[in-house]
Every structure is written in C-alpha cells, then in structure tokens.
Amino acid sequence: MTARKGNKAANQLIEYALSLGYTAHNTNSGHLKFLRDGCKPLFSSSTFSDNRGLLNAKADLRRRIAEQK
C-alpha cells in the first residue's frame, strides 16, 4: 500500500511500519491507520508539517510494540 503519489514522508512511514510487521490502511478521512496483532491501532496524518512529525510517528510505532511486550 502506498499513500498519495508524491507524498514521500507518508510512503516512508508506510514502508517503515510494514518492516515492523504492521499493516497500513487509508481511512475515509485521509489519515493512515496502522494495525498489528496485539497492539492498539495507531492513526497518523498522511501529511506532515515538518520532519519531526515523521520521526514522532515512527517513534509511536516502536512504542506500541514495546507496550505489547
């Protein structure tokens, strides 16, 4: 699954999430939804205002895995 064409940050986040074992889905409102067995769903914006937004979203994905253990 990829985000909208030309949205590098969202595509990077999706690739990262897939590498961690998540599945990625687009919501009707244009957000990204990440699912993984045993973890709460994580919703993220598909557009980030700066690089920190992408880094924070990646950290949230890692935290969900750590909470699972």
C-alpha atoms as a PDB file:
ATOM      1  CA  MET A   1       0.000   0.000   0.000  1.00  0.00           C
ATOM      2  CA  THR A   2       1.243   3.477  -0.775  1.00  0.00           C
ATOM      3  CA  ALA A   3      -0.050   6.887   0.097  1.00  0.00           C
ATOM      4  CA  ARG A   4      -0.850   9.514  -2.464  1.00  0.00           C
ATOM      5  CA  LYS A   5       1.589   9.896  -5.308  1.00  0.00           C
ATOM      6  CA  GLY A   6       4.335  12.338  -4.420  1.00  0.00           C
ATOM      7  CA  ASN A   7       3.894  12.056  -0.646  1.00  0.00           C
ATOM      8  CA  LYS A   8       7.405  10.914   0.283  1.00  0.00           C
ATOM      9  CA  ALA A   9       7.024  11.207   4.046  1.00  0.00           C
ATOM     10  CA  ALA A  10       3.856   9.117   4.169  1.00  0.00           C
ATOM     11  CA  ASN A  11       5.395   6.481   1.907  1.00  0.00           C
ATOM     12  CA  GLN A  12       8.486   6.345   4.142  1.00  0.00           C
ATOM     13  CA  LEU A  13       6.279   5.857   7.190  1.00  0.00           C
ATOM     14  CA  ILE A  14       4.286   3.094   5.484  1.00  0.00           C
ATOM     15  CA  GLU A  15       7.461   1.259   4.428  1.00  0.00           C
ATOM     16  CA  TYR A  16       8.834   1.553   7.973  1.00  0.00           C
ATOM     17  CA  ALA A  17       5.597   0.264   9.506  1.00  0.00           C
ATOM     18  CA  LEU A  18       5.495  -2.685   7.107  1.00  0.00           C
ATOM     19  CA  SER A  19       9.070  -3.572   8.088  1.00  0.00           C
ATOM     20  CA  LEU A  20       7.915  -3.705  11.736  1.00  0.00           C
ATOM     21  CA  GLY A  21       5.048  -6.068  10.929  1.00  0.00           C
ATOM     22  CA  TYR A  22       2.184  -3.568  10.723  1.00  0.00           C
ATOM     23  CA  THR A  23      -0.451  -3.401   8.024  1.00  0.00           C
ATOM     24  CA  ALA A  24      -1.298   0.052   6.670  1.00  0.00           C
ATOM     25  CA  HIS A  25      -4.678   1.328   5.524  1.00  0.00           C
ATOM     26  CA  ASN A  26      -6.074   4.663   4.352  1.00  0.00           C
ATOM     27  CA  THR A  27      -9.086   5.934   6.256  1.00  0.00           C
ATOM     28  CA  ASN A  28     -12.002   7.756   4.651  1.00  0.00           C
ATOM     29  CA  SER A  29     -10.765  10.998   6.189  1.00  0.00           C
ATOM     30  CA  GLY A  30      -7.329  10.722   4.550  1.00  0.00           C
ATOM     31  CA  HIS A  31      -5.380   9.551   7.591  1.00  0.00           C
ATOM     32  CA  LEU A  32      -3.222   6.447   7.849  1.00  0.00           C
ATOM     33  CA  LYS A  33      -4.238   3.540  10.078  1.00  0.00           C
ATOM     34  CA  PHE A  34      -1.633   1.028  11.230  1.00  0.00           C
ATOM     35  CA  LEU A  35      -2.616  -2.356  12.659  1.00  0.00           C
ATOM     36  CA  ARG A  36      -0.568  -5.116  14.250  1.00  0.00           C
ATOM     37  CA  ASP A  37      -1.683  -8.164  16.219  1.00  0.00           C
ATOM     38  CA  GLY A  38      -1.658  -7.450  19.945  1.00  0.00           C
ATOM     39  CA  CYS A  39      -1.257  -3.684  19.521  1.00  0.00           C
ATOM     40  CA  LYS A  40      -3.794  -0.889  19.650  1.00  0.00           C
ATOM     41  CA  PRO A  41      -4.453   0.689  16.246  1.00  0.00           C
ATOM     42  CA  LEU A  42      -2.384   3.771  15.505  1.00  0.00           C
ATOM     43  CA  PHE A  43      -3.719   6.643  13.417  1.00  0.00           C
ATOM     44  CA  SER A  44      -1.436   9.174  11.803  1.00  0.00           C
ATOM     45  CA  SER A  45      -1.713  12.097   9.461  1.00  0.00           C
ATOM     46  CA  SER A  46      -0.759  11.370   5.867  1.00  0.00           C
ATOM     47  CA  THR A  47       0.845  14.819   5.610  1.00  0.00           C
ATOM     48  CA  PHE A  48       3.483  16.113   7.994  1.00  0.00           C
ATOM     49  CA  SER A  49       4.280  19.780   8.510  1.00  0.00           C
ATOM     50  CA  ASP A  50       7.952  19.055   9.195  1.00  0.00           C
ATOM     51  CA  ASN A  51      10.446  16.223   9.609  1.00  0.00           C
ATOM     52  CA  ARG A  52       9.682  15.906  13.350  1.00  0.00           C
ATOM     53  CA  GLY A  53       6.182  14.709  12.513  1.00  0.00           C
ATOM     54  CA  LEU A  54       7.585  11.753  10.569  1.00  0.00           C
ATOM     55  CA  LEU A  55      10.093  10.940  13.317  1.00  0.00           C
ATOM     56  CA  ASN A  56       7.394  11.154  16.001  1.00  0.00           C
ATOM     57  CA  ALA A  57       5.118   8.818  14.049  1.00  0.00           C
ATOM     58  CA  LYS A  58       7.948   6.269  13.719  1.00  0.00           C
ATOM     59  CA  ALA A  59       8.586   6.524  17.473  1.00  0.00           C
ATOM     60  CA  ASP A  60       4.878   5.924  18.150  1.00  0.00           C
ATOM     61  CA  LEU A  61       5.016   2.727  16.088  1.00  0.00           C
ATOM     62  CA  ARG A  62       8.003   1.490  18.096  1.00  0.00           C
ATOM     63  CA  ARG A  63       6.325   2.406  21.406  1.00  0.00           C
ATOM     64  CA  ARG A  64       3.249   0.356  20.541  1.00  0.00           C
ATOM     65  CA  ILE A  65       5.452  -2.703  20.060  1.00  0.00           C
ATOM     66  CA  ALA A  66       7.258  -2.053  23.366  1.00  0.00           C
ATOM     67  CA  GLU A  67       3.909  -1.751  25.196  1.00  0.00           C
ATOM     68  CA  GLN A  68       2.913  -5.126  23.800  1.00  0.00           C
ATOM     69  CA  LYS A  69       5.821  -6.916  25.496  1.00  0.00           C
END
